[in-house]
Amino acid sequence: MIGFGEHHYVHSSGREGDTFLIGFAPRKANLVLYGLNNAPGSEELLAKLGKHKTSKACLYVNKLADVDLDVLRQLTELGVEYFSQTSDSAVPR
């Protein structure tokens, strides 16, 4: 995993920790992107992104040619802005 920025989180359960604002991990099957699909407004951008899959916290892309790179940039900016503002706040899980 390669991450950028710092984010301290506190879950509603009281569990807390530190992670990166956004990040990625190149895997054999796909590229995994973290921190791009939780911000308010990300659903609208994901609809425009192109071929991808999501989980609760991850965005999966088979290859960058499958997605609109401008939309991916917008998702990245949105994720950084959102997690920069929510550091140290409760994040429900």
N, C-alpha and C. Protein backbone atom coordinates (compact mmCIF):
# COMPACT_ATOMS: atom_id res chain seq x y z
N MET A 1 0.83 -1.18 0.00
CA MET A 1 0.00 0.00 0.00
C MET A 1 0.88 1.24 0.00
N ILE A 2 0.43 2.21 -0.75
CA ILE A 2 1.10 3.51 -0.77
C ILE A 2 0.04 4.53 -0.39
N GLY A 3 0.32 5.32 0.64
CA GLY A 3 -0.65 6.29 1.12
C GLY A 3 -0.10 7.69 1.13
N PHE A 4 -1.02 8.64 1.11
CA PHE A 4 -0.68 10.05 1.09
C PHE A 4 -1.46 10.78 2.17
N GLY A 5 -0.78 11.63 2.91
CA GLY A 5 -1.44 12.39 3.97
C GLY A 5 -1.61 11.56 5.23
N GLU A 6 -2.18 12.18 6.23
CA GLU A 6 -2.43 11.52 7.51
C GLU A 6 -3.86 11.77 7.94
N HIS A 7 -4.48 10.72 8.50
CA HIS A 7 -5.86 10.82 8.96
C HIS A 7 -5.99 10.04 10.27
N HIS A 8 -6.43 10.73 11.31
CA HIS A 8 -6.72 10.07 12.59
C HIS A 8 -8.23 9.89 12.66
N TYR A 9 -8.67 8.67 12.92
CA TYR A 9 -10.10 8.40 12.96
C TYR A 9 -10.50 7.86 14.33
N VAL A 10 -11.77 8.09 14.66
CA VAL A 10 -12.38 7.53 15.86
C VAL A 10 -13.72 6.96 15.42
N HIS A 11 -13.88 5.65 15.52
CA HIS A 11 -15.15 5.01 15.16
C HIS A 11 -16.17 5.25 16.25
N SER A 12 -17.42 5.09 15.90
CA SER A 12 -18.50 5.26 16.88
C SER A 12 -18.37 4.25 18.02
N SER A 13 -17.67 3.13 17.80
CA SER A 13 -17.45 2.12 18.83
C SER A 13 -16.38 2.55 19.84
N GLY A 14 -15.66 3.65 19.51
CA GLY A 14 -14.57 4.10 20.37
C GLY A 14 -13.20 3.70 19.86
N ARG A 15 -13.16 2.74 18.94
CA ARG A 15 -11.89 2.34 18.36
C ARG A 15 -11.33 3.50 17.53
N GLU A 16 -10.02 3.70 17.63
CA GLU A 16 -9.40 4.77 16.87
C GLU A 16 -8.05 4.35 16.34
N GLY A 17 -7.56 5.10 15.38
CA GLY A 17 -6.27 4.77 14.79
C GLY A 17 -5.84 5.82 13.80
N ASP A 18 -4.73 5.55 13.15
CA ASP A 18 -4.19 6.45 12.16
C ASP A 18 -4.03 5.72 10.84
N THR A 19 -4.31 6.42 9.77
CA THR A 19 -4.17 5.88 8.43
C THR A 19 -3.84 7.02 7.49
N PHE A 20 -3.82 6.76 6.20
CA PHE A 20 -3.57 7.81 5.23
C PHE A 20 -4.88 8.42 4.76
N LEU A 21 -4.82 9.62 4.17
CA LEU A 21 -6.02 10.25 3.62
C LEU A 21 -6.53 9.47 2.42
N ILE A 22 -5.64 9.23 1.48
CA ILE A 22 -5.96 8.43 0.30
C ILE A 22 -4.77 7.54 -0.01
N GLY A 23 -5.00 6.47 -0.73
CA GLY A 23 -3.89 5.59 -1.06
C GLY A 23 -4.27 4.61 -2.15
N PHE A 24 -3.28 3.79 -2.51
CA PHE A 24 -3.53 2.77 -3.51
C PHE A 24 -2.62 1.57 -3.28
N ALA A 25 -3.03 0.47 -3.85
CA ALA A 25 -2.23 -0.76 -3.80
C ALA A 25 -2.37 -1.46 -5.14
N PRO A 26 -1.27 -1.61 -5.85
CA PRO A 26 -1.34 -2.37 -7.10
C PRO A 26 -1.37 -3.86 -6.78
N ARG A 27 -2.38 -4.53 -7.24
CA ARG A 27 -2.52 -5.97 -7.04
C ARG A 27 -2.51 -6.67 -8.38
N LYS A 28 -2.31 -7.95 -8.36
CA LYS A 28 -2.27 -8.71 -9.60
C LYS A 28 -3.58 -8.57 -10.39
N ALA A 29 -4.70 -8.65 -9.70
CA ALA A 29 -6.00 -8.63 -10.37
C ALA A 29 -6.46 -7.23 -10.72
N ASN A 30 -6.09 -6.22 -9.93
CA ASN A 30 -6.58 -4.87 -10.15
C ASN A 30 -5.80 -3.85 -9.32
N LEU A 31 -6.15 -2.61 -9.51
CA LEU A 31 -5.60 -1.52 -8.73
C LEU A 31 -6.63 -1.16 -7.68
N VAL A 32 -6.24 -1.12 -6.41
CA VAL A 32 -7.16 -0.80 -5.33
C VAL A 32 -6.86 0.62 -4.86
N LEU A 33 -7.90 1.45 -4.82
CA LEU A 33 -7.78 2.85 -4.41
C LEU A 33 -8.56 3.04 -3.12
N TYR A 34 -7.95 3.69 -2.15
CA TYR A 34 -8.55 3.88 -0.83
C TYR A 34 -8.88 5.35 -0.61
N GLY A 35 -10.02 5.62 0.02
CA GLY A 35 -10.39 6.97 0.40
C GLY A 35 -11.09 7.76 -0.68
N LEU A 36 -11.55 7.10 -1.73
CA LEU A 36 -12.17 7.83 -2.83
C LEU A 36 -13.67 7.67 -2.93
N ASN A 37 -14.26 6.77 -2.17
CA ASN A 37 -15.69 6.53 -2.35
C ASN A 37 -16.54 6.76 -1.10
N ASN A 38 -16.04 7.52 -0.13
CA ASN A 38 -16.81 7.76 1.09
C ASN A 38 -17.26 9.20 1.25
N ALA A 39 -16.66 10.11 0.53
CA ALA A 39 -16.97 11.53 0.69
C ALA A 39 -18.36 11.84 0.11
N PRO A 40 -19.08 12.78 0.73
CA PRO A 40 -20.33 13.23 0.12
C PRO A 40 -20.06 13.74 -1.29
N GLY A 41 -20.87 13.31 -2.23
CA GLY A 41 -20.68 13.70 -3.62
C GLY A 41 -19.93 12.68 -4.45
N SER A 42 -19.33 11.68 -3.79
CA SER A 42 -18.56 10.69 -4.54
C SER A 42 -19.45 9.77 -5.37
N GLU A 43 -20.68 9.53 -4.92
CA GLU A 43 -21.57 8.63 -5.68
C GLU A 43 -21.83 9.15 -7.08
N GLU A 44 -22.04 10.46 -7.20
CA GLU A 44 -22.30 11.06 -8.51
C GLU A 44 -21.08 10.91 -9.42
N LEU A 45 -19.89 11.12 -8.85
CA LEU A 45 -18.66 10.98 -9.63
C LEU A 45 -18.40 9.52 -10.01
N LEU A 46 -18.67 8.61 -9.09
CA LEU A 46 -18.47 7.18 -9.38
C LEU A 46 -19.34 6.73 -10.56
N ALA A 47 -20.54 7.33 -10.66
CA ALA A 47 -21.43 6.99 -11.77
C ALA A 47 -20.84 7.40 -13.12
N LYS A 48 -19.94 8.37 -13.12
CA LYS A 48 -19.32 8.87 -14.34
C LYS A 48 -17.92 8.28 -14.58
N LEU A 49 -17.41 7.53 -13.61
CA LEU A 49 -16.02 7.09 -13.64
C LEU A 49 -15.69 6.14 -14.78
N GLY A 50 -16.54 5.18 -15.02
CA GLY A 50 -16.24 4.14 -15.99
C GLY A 50 -16.25 2.78 -15.30
N LYS A 51 -15.60 1.81 -15.89
CA LYS A 51 -15.63 0.44 -15.37
C LYS A 51 -14.85 0.33 -14.06
N HIS A 52 -15.55 -0.03 -12.99
CA HIS A 52 -14.96 -0.16 -11.66
C HIS A 52 -15.89 -0.97 -10.77
N LYS A 53 -15.38 -1.34 -9.61
CA LYS A 53 -16.17 -1.98 -8.55
C LYS A 53 -15.84 -1.26 -7.26
N THR A 54 -16.75 -1.34 -6.30
CA THR A 54 -16.50 -0.73 -5.00
C THR A 54 -16.83 -1.70 -3.88
N SER A 55 -16.24 -1.45 -2.74
CA SER A 55 -16.61 -2.10 -1.48
C SER A 55 -16.84 -0.97 -0.50
N LYS A 56 -16.96 -1.28 0.76
CA LYS A 56 -17.25 -0.25 1.76
C LYS A 56 -16.18 0.85 1.76
N ALA A 57 -14.93 0.50 1.61
CA ALA A 57 -13.86 1.49 1.71
C ALA A 57 -12.94 1.53 0.50
N CYS A 58 -13.16 0.67 -0.50
CA CYS A 58 -12.21 0.56 -1.60
C CYS A 58 -12.88 0.75 -2.96
N LEU A 59 -12.08 1.22 -3.88
CA LEU A 59 -12.47 1.35 -5.28
C LEU A 59 -11.52 0.46 -6.07
N TYR A 60 -12.06 -0.43 -6.90
CA TYR A 60 -11.25 -1.37 -7.66
C TYR A 60 -11.33 -1.04 -9.14
N VAL A 61 -10.17 -0.91 -9.78
CA VAL A 61 -10.07 -0.60 -11.21
C VAL A 61 -9.15 -1.64 -11.84
N ASN A 62 -9.59 -2.27 -12.91
CA ASN A 62 -8.74 -3.26 -13.58
C ASN A 62 -7.55 -2.59 -14.26
N LYS A 63 -7.80 -1.50 -14.97
CA LYS A 63 -6.72 -0.74 -15.61
C LYS A 63 -7.18 0.70 -15.76
N LEU A 64 -6.23 1.62 -15.73
CA LEU A 64 -6.57 3.03 -15.79
C LEU A 64 -7.26 3.41 -17.09
N ALA A 65 -7.02 2.67 -18.16
CA ALA A 65 -7.68 2.93 -19.44
C ALA A 65 -9.19 2.72 -19.36
N ASP A 66 -9.67 2.00 -18.33
CA ASP A 66 -11.09 1.73 -18.16
C ASP A 66 -11.86 2.88 -17.54
N VAL A 67 -11.16 3.88 -17.01
CA VAL A 67 -11.84 4.96 -16.29
C VAL A 67 -11.50 6.33 -16.87
N ASP A 68 -12.35 7.29 -16.56
CA ASP A 68 -12.13 8.68 -16.95
C ASP A 68 -11.16 9.29 -15.93
N LEU A 69 -9.96 9.62 -16.37
CA LEU A 69 -8.93 10.11 -15.45
C LEU A 69 -9.28 11.46 -14.84
N ASP A 70 -10.06 12.28 -15.54
CA ASP A 70 -10.49 13.56 -14.96
C ASP A 70 -11.44 13.30 -13.79
N VAL A 71 -12.34 12.35 -13.94
CA VAL A 71 -13.26 12.00 -12.85
C VAL A 71 -12.47 11.39 -11.69
N LEU A 72 -11.48 10.57 -11.99
CA LEU A 72 -10.64 9.98 -10.94
C LEU A 72 -9.90 11.07 -10.17
N ARG A 73 -9.41 12.09 -10.88
CA ARG A 73 -8.76 13.23 -10.22
C ARG A 73 -9.75 13.95 -9.30
N GLN A 74 -10.98 14.15 -9.77
CA GLN A 74 -11.99 14.81 -8.95
C GLN A 74 -12.31 13.99 -7.71
N LEU A 75 -12.41 12.67 -7.84
CA LEU A 75 -12.64 11.80 -6.69
C LEU A 75 -11.50 11.90 -5.69
N THR A 76 -10.27 11.97 -6.21
CA THR A 76 -9.09 12.09 -5.35
C THR A 76 -9.13 13.40 -4.57
N GLU A 77 -9.41 14.49 -5.25
CA GLU A 77 -9.49 15.79 -4.58
C GLU A 77 -10.60 15.81 -3.54
N LEU A 78 -11.75 15.23 -3.87
CA LEU A 78 -12.87 15.16 -2.95
C LEU A 78 -12.51 14.33 -1.72
N GLY A 79 -11.84 13.20 -1.93
CA GLY A 79 -11.44 12.34 -0.81
C GLY A 79 -10.45 13.02 0.11
N VAL A 80 -9.47 13.71 -0.46
CA VAL A 80 -8.49 14.43 0.37
C VAL A 80 -9.18 15.53 1.17
N GLU A 81 -10.05 16.28 0.52
CA GLU A 81 -10.75 17.37 1.21
C GLU A 81 -11.62 16.82 2.34
N TYR A 82 -12.37 15.78 2.07
CA TYR A 82 -13.28 15.20 3.07
C TYR A 82 -12.52 14.63 4.26
N PHE A 83 -11.53 13.80 4.01
CA PHE A 83 -10.82 13.17 5.12
C PHE A 83 -9.92 14.16 5.86
N SER A 84 -9.49 15.23 5.21
CA SER A 84 -8.74 16.27 5.91
C SER A 84 -9.64 16.97 6.93
N GLN A 85 -10.91 17.14 6.58
CA GLN A 85 -11.86 17.81 7.47
C GLN A 85 -12.39 16.91 8.55
N THR A 86 -12.39 15.60 8.33
CA THR A 86 -12.99 14.67 9.30
C THR A 86 -11.98 14.01 10.21
N SER A 87 -10.72 14.38 10.10
CA SER A 87 -9.70 13.80 10.98
C SER A 87 -10.08 14.04 12.43
N ASP A 88 -9.94 13.02 13.25
CA ASP A 88 -10.28 13.04 14.67
C ASP A 88 -11.78 13.03 14.96
N SER A 89 -12.61 12.92 13.94
CA SER A 89 -14.04 12.88 14.20
C SER A 89 -14.56 11.44 14.08
N ALA A 90 -15.75 11.24 14.58
CA ALA A 90 -16.32 9.90 14.56
C ALA A 90 -16.63 9.46 13.14
N VAL A 91 -16.19 8.29 12.78
CA VAL A 91 -16.46 7.70 11.47
C VAL A 91 -17.22 6.40 11.74
N PRO A 92 -18.50 6.35 11.42
CA PRO A 92 -19.27 5.13 11.69
C PRO A 92 -18.77 3.96 10.85
N ARG A 93 -18.69 2.80 11.45
CA ARG A 93 -18.29 1.56 10.75
C ARG A 93 -19.20 0.46 11.16
